[in-house]
Amino acid sequence: MSPPASLEFSNSSGVAVSCEARGSPEPDVRWIDASGKDAVTLPRIREVLANGSLYFPAFPGELYSSEVHTATYRCAASNAAGTILSREMRVRAGEYHFTLPSKTNKKRGI
């Protein structure tokens, strides 16, 4: 299964995206960033799971990292036959604020 072309999520929700590959021998699945480096687990920010998923947990605003949360990733599957890459997935995480309308105090005329 190929990852989506874009992935947007709120810092209060987090998200996981999977990547699956089949072959013989069984391929190793990993995630790479736009520079071609392996994406690694960064506690509380990004986790590379053993099942091939890339997990972005919910995070407080002060842990936002543009290198992680506004970045491009690809899934790579490798075995003895070679390596295949998924399409690029553009990730965008943000802190979303919801503003409720305030109540106005109205003076009653007598």
C-alpha atoms as a PDB file:
ATOM      1  CA  MET A   1       0.000   0.000   0.000  1.00  0.00           C
ATOM      2  CA  SER A   2       1.405   3.361  -1.016  1.00  0.00           C
ATOM      3  CA  PRO A   3       1.230   6.334   1.353  1.00  0.00           C
ATOM      4  CA  PRO A   4      -0.989   9.296   0.421  1.00  0.00           C
ATOM      5  CA  ALA A   5       0.467  12.184  -1.577  1.00  0.00           C
ATOM      6  CA  SER A   6      -0.243  14.559   1.302  1.00  0.00           C
ATOM      7  CA  LEU A   7      -0.897  14.108   4.992  1.00  0.00           C
ATOM      8  CA  GLU A   8      -2.230  16.917   7.174  1.00  0.00           C
ATOM      9  CA  PHE A   9      -2.968  16.585  10.855  1.00  0.00           C
ATOM     10  CA  SER A  10      -3.419  18.576  14.014  1.00  0.00           C
ATOM     11  CA  ASN A  11      -0.829  18.533  16.753  1.00  0.00           C
ATOM     12  CA  SER A  12      -3.609  17.554  19.163  1.00  0.00           C
ATOM     13  CA  SER A  13      -4.561  14.419  17.226  1.00  0.00           C
ATOM     14  CA  GLY A  14      -1.434  12.912  15.720  1.00  0.00           C
ATOM     15  CA  VAL A  15      -1.565  10.383  12.873  1.00  0.00           C
ATOM     16  CA  ALA A  16      -0.059   7.134  11.632  1.00  0.00           C
ATOM     17  CA  VAL A  17       0.535   6.183   8.021  1.00  0.00           C
ATOM     18  CA  SER A  18       1.402   2.691   6.876  1.00  0.00           C
ATOM     19  CA  CYS A  19       3.510   1.309   4.088  1.00  0.00           C
ATOM     20  CA  GLU A  20       3.349  -2.325   3.039  1.00  0.00           C
ATOM     21  CA  ALA A  21       5.449  -4.283   0.597  1.00  0.00           C
ATOM     22  CA  ARG A  22       5.506  -7.934  -0.394  1.00  0.00           C
ATOM     23  CA  GLY A  23       8.234  -9.936  -2.045  1.00  0.00           C
ATOM     24  CA  SER A  24      10.511 -12.925  -1.824  1.00  0.00           C
ATOM     25  CA  PRO A  25      12.592 -12.643   0.177  1.00  0.00           C
ATOM     26  CA  GLU A  26      10.399 -10.513   2.467  1.00  0.00           C
ATOM     27  CA  PRO A  27      11.425  -6.857   1.983  1.00  0.00           C
ATOM     28  CA  ASP A  28      12.580  -4.529   4.735  1.00  0.00           C
ATOM     29  CA  VAL A  29      10.426  -1.397   4.907  1.00  0.00           C
ATOM     30  CA  ARG A  30      11.815   1.937   6.023  1.00  0.00           C
ATOM     31  CA  TRP A  31      10.972   5.624   5.677  1.00  0.00           C
ATOM     32  CA  ILE A  32      13.338   8.174   4.177  1.00  0.00           C
ATOM     33  CA  ASP A  33      13.235  11.962   4.178  1.00  0.00           C
ATOM     34  CA  ALA A  34      13.653  14.321   1.225  1.00  0.00           C
ATOM     35  CA  SER A  35      17.448  14.171   1.513  1.00  0.00           C
ATOM     36  CA  GLY A  36      17.423  10.364   1.266  1.00  0.00           C
ATOM     37  CA  LYS A  37      18.328   9.788   4.921  1.00  0.00           C
ATOM     38  CA  ASP A  38      16.470   7.213   6.977  1.00  0.00           C
ATOM     39  CA  ALA A  39      13.777   8.703   9.181  1.00  0.00           C
ATOM     40  CA  VAL A  40      14.485   7.627  12.748  1.00  0.00           C
ATOM     41  CA  THR A  41      12.416   7.651  15.898  1.00  0.00           C
ATOM     42  CA  LEU A  42      12.480  10.986  17.710  1.00  0.00           C
ATOM     43  CA  PRO A  43      10.734  10.501  21.068  1.00  0.00           C
ATOM     44  CA  ARG A  44       7.423  12.407  21.364  1.00  0.00           C
ATOM     45  CA  ILE A  45       7.773  13.733  17.776  1.00  0.00           C
ATOM     46  CA  ARG A  46       8.049  10.865  15.274  1.00  0.00           C
ATOM     47  CA  GLU A  47       8.172   7.081  15.586  1.00  0.00           C
ATOM     48  CA  VAL A  48       9.170   4.515  12.995  1.00  0.00           C
ATOM     49  CA  LEU A  49       7.223   1.377  13.906  1.00  0.00           C
ATOM     50  CA  ALA A  50       8.257  -2.229  13.289  1.00  0.00           C
ATOM     51  CA  ASN A  51       5.114  -2.844  11.194  1.00  0.00           C
ATOM     52  CA  GLY A  52       6.250  -0.322   8.563  1.00  0.00           C
ATOM     53  CA  SER A  53       4.154   2.581   9.837  1.00  0.00           C
ATOM     54  CA  LEU A  54       5.341   6.119  10.406  1.00  0.00           C
ATOM     55  CA  TYR A  55       3.645   7.558  13.488  1.00  0.00           C
ATOM     56  CA  PHE A  56       3.409  11.212  14.430  1.00  0.00           C
ATOM     57  CA  PRO A  57       2.026  11.360  17.986  1.00  0.00           C
ATOM     58  CA  ALA A  58       0.044  14.293  19.339  1.00  0.00           C
ATOM     59  CA  PHE A  59       2.502  16.922  20.542  1.00  0.00           C
ATOM     60  CA  PRO A  60       2.509  20.260  22.363  1.00  0.00           C
ATOM     61  CA  GLY A  61       3.159  23.306  20.179  1.00  0.00           C
ATOM     62  CA  GLU A  62       6.634  23.864  21.609  1.00  0.00           C
ATOM     63  CA  LEU A  63       7.779  20.484  20.183  1.00  0.00           C
ATOM     64  CA  TYR A  64       6.881  21.472  16.616  1.00  0.00           C
ATOM     65  CA  SER A  65       9.802  20.869  14.250  1.00  0.00           C
ATOM     66  CA  SER A  66       9.610  22.007  10.636  1.00  0.00           C
ATOM     67  CA  GLU A  67      12.176  19.332   9.702  1.00  0.00           C
ATOM     68  CA  VAL A  68       9.713  16.677  10.910  1.00  0.00           C
ATOM     69  CA  HIS A  69       6.247  18.221  10.765  1.00  0.00           C
ATOM     70  CA  THR A  70       6.499  20.086   7.432  1.00  0.00           C
ATOM     71  CA  ALA A  71       8.525  17.613   5.454  1.00  0.00           C
ATOM     72  CA  THR A  72       8.502  15.124   2.614  1.00  0.00           C
ATOM     73  CA  TYR A  73       8.858  11.388   3.176  1.00  0.00           C
ATOM     74  CA  ARG A  74       8.987   8.268   1.018  1.00  0.00           C
ATOM     75  CA  CYS A  75       8.589   4.651   1.909  1.00  0.00           C
ATOM     76  CA  ALA A  76      11.407   2.378   0.730  1.00  0.00           C
ATOM     77  CA  ALA A  77      11.112  -1.407   0.451  1.00  0.00           C
ATOM     78  CA  SER A  78      14.321  -3.380  -0.060  1.00  0.00           C
ATOM     79  CA  ASN A  79      15.330  -7.004  -0.512  1.00  0.00           C
ATOM     80  CA  ALA A  80      17.965  -8.924  -2.508  1.00  0.00           C
ATOM     81  CA  ALA A  81      16.181  -7.986  -5.741  1.00  0.00           C
ATOM     82  CA  GLY A  82      16.566  -4.261  -5.112  1.00  0.00           C
ATOM     83  CA  THR A  83      14.774  -1.252  -3.662  1.00  0.00           C
ATOM     84  CA  ILE A  84      11.546   0.414  -4.672  1.00  0.00           C
ATOM     85  CA  LEU A  85      10.384   3.822  -3.494  1.00  0.00           C
ATOM     86  CA  SER A  86       6.851   5.051  -2.953  1.00  0.00           C
ATOM     87  CA  ARG A  87       5.648   8.370  -4.235  1.00  0.00           C
ATOM     88  CA  GLU A  88       6.486  11.389  -2.117  1.00  0.00           C
ATOM     89  CA  MET A  89       4.242  12.115   0.842  1.00  0.00           C
ATOM     90  CA  ARG A  90       4.147  15.729   1.981  1.00  0.00           C
ATOM     91  CA  VAL A  91       3.457  16.027   5.695  1.00  0.00           C
ATOM     92  CA  ARG A  92       2.011  19.130   7.283  1.00  0.00           C
ATOM     93  CA  ALA A  93       1.231  19.303  10.977  1.00  0.00           C
ATOM     94  CA  GLY A  94      -0.112  22.311  12.729  1.00  0.00           C
ATOM     95  CA  GLU A  95      -1.596  23.659  15.871  1.00  0.00           C
ATOM     96  CA  TYR A  96      -5.207  24.457  15.256  1.00  0.00           C
ATOM     97  CA  HIS A  97      -7.065  26.837  17.513  1.00  0.00           C
ATOM     98  CA  PHE A  98     -10.800  27.043  17.674  1.00  0.00           C
ATOM     99  CA  THR A  99     -12.352  30.274  18.852  1.00  0.00           C
ATOM    100  CA  LEU A 100     -15.831  30.262  20.236  1.00  0.00           C
ATOM    101  CA  PRO A 101     -17.891  33.430  19.934  1.00  0.00           C
ATOM    102  CA  SER A 102     -17.842  35.387  23.143  1.00  0.00           C
ATOM    103  CA  LYS A 103     -20.998  36.318  24.933  1.00  0.00           C
ATOM    104  CA  THR A 104     -21.714  40.005  24.942  1.00  0.00           C
ATOM    105  CA  ASN A 105     -23.121  41.635  28.016  1.00  0.00           C
ATOM    106  CA  LYS A 106     -26.225  43.502  27.085  1.00  0.00           C
ATOM    107  CA  LYS A 107     -27.638  46.090  29.410  1.00  0.00           C
ATOM    108  CA  ARG A 108     -31.357  45.926  29.791  1.00  0.00           C
ATOM    109  CA  GLY A 109     -33.262  49.133  29.525  1.00  0.00           C
ATOM    110  CA  ILE A 110     -35.838  49.887  32.206  1.00  0.00           C
END
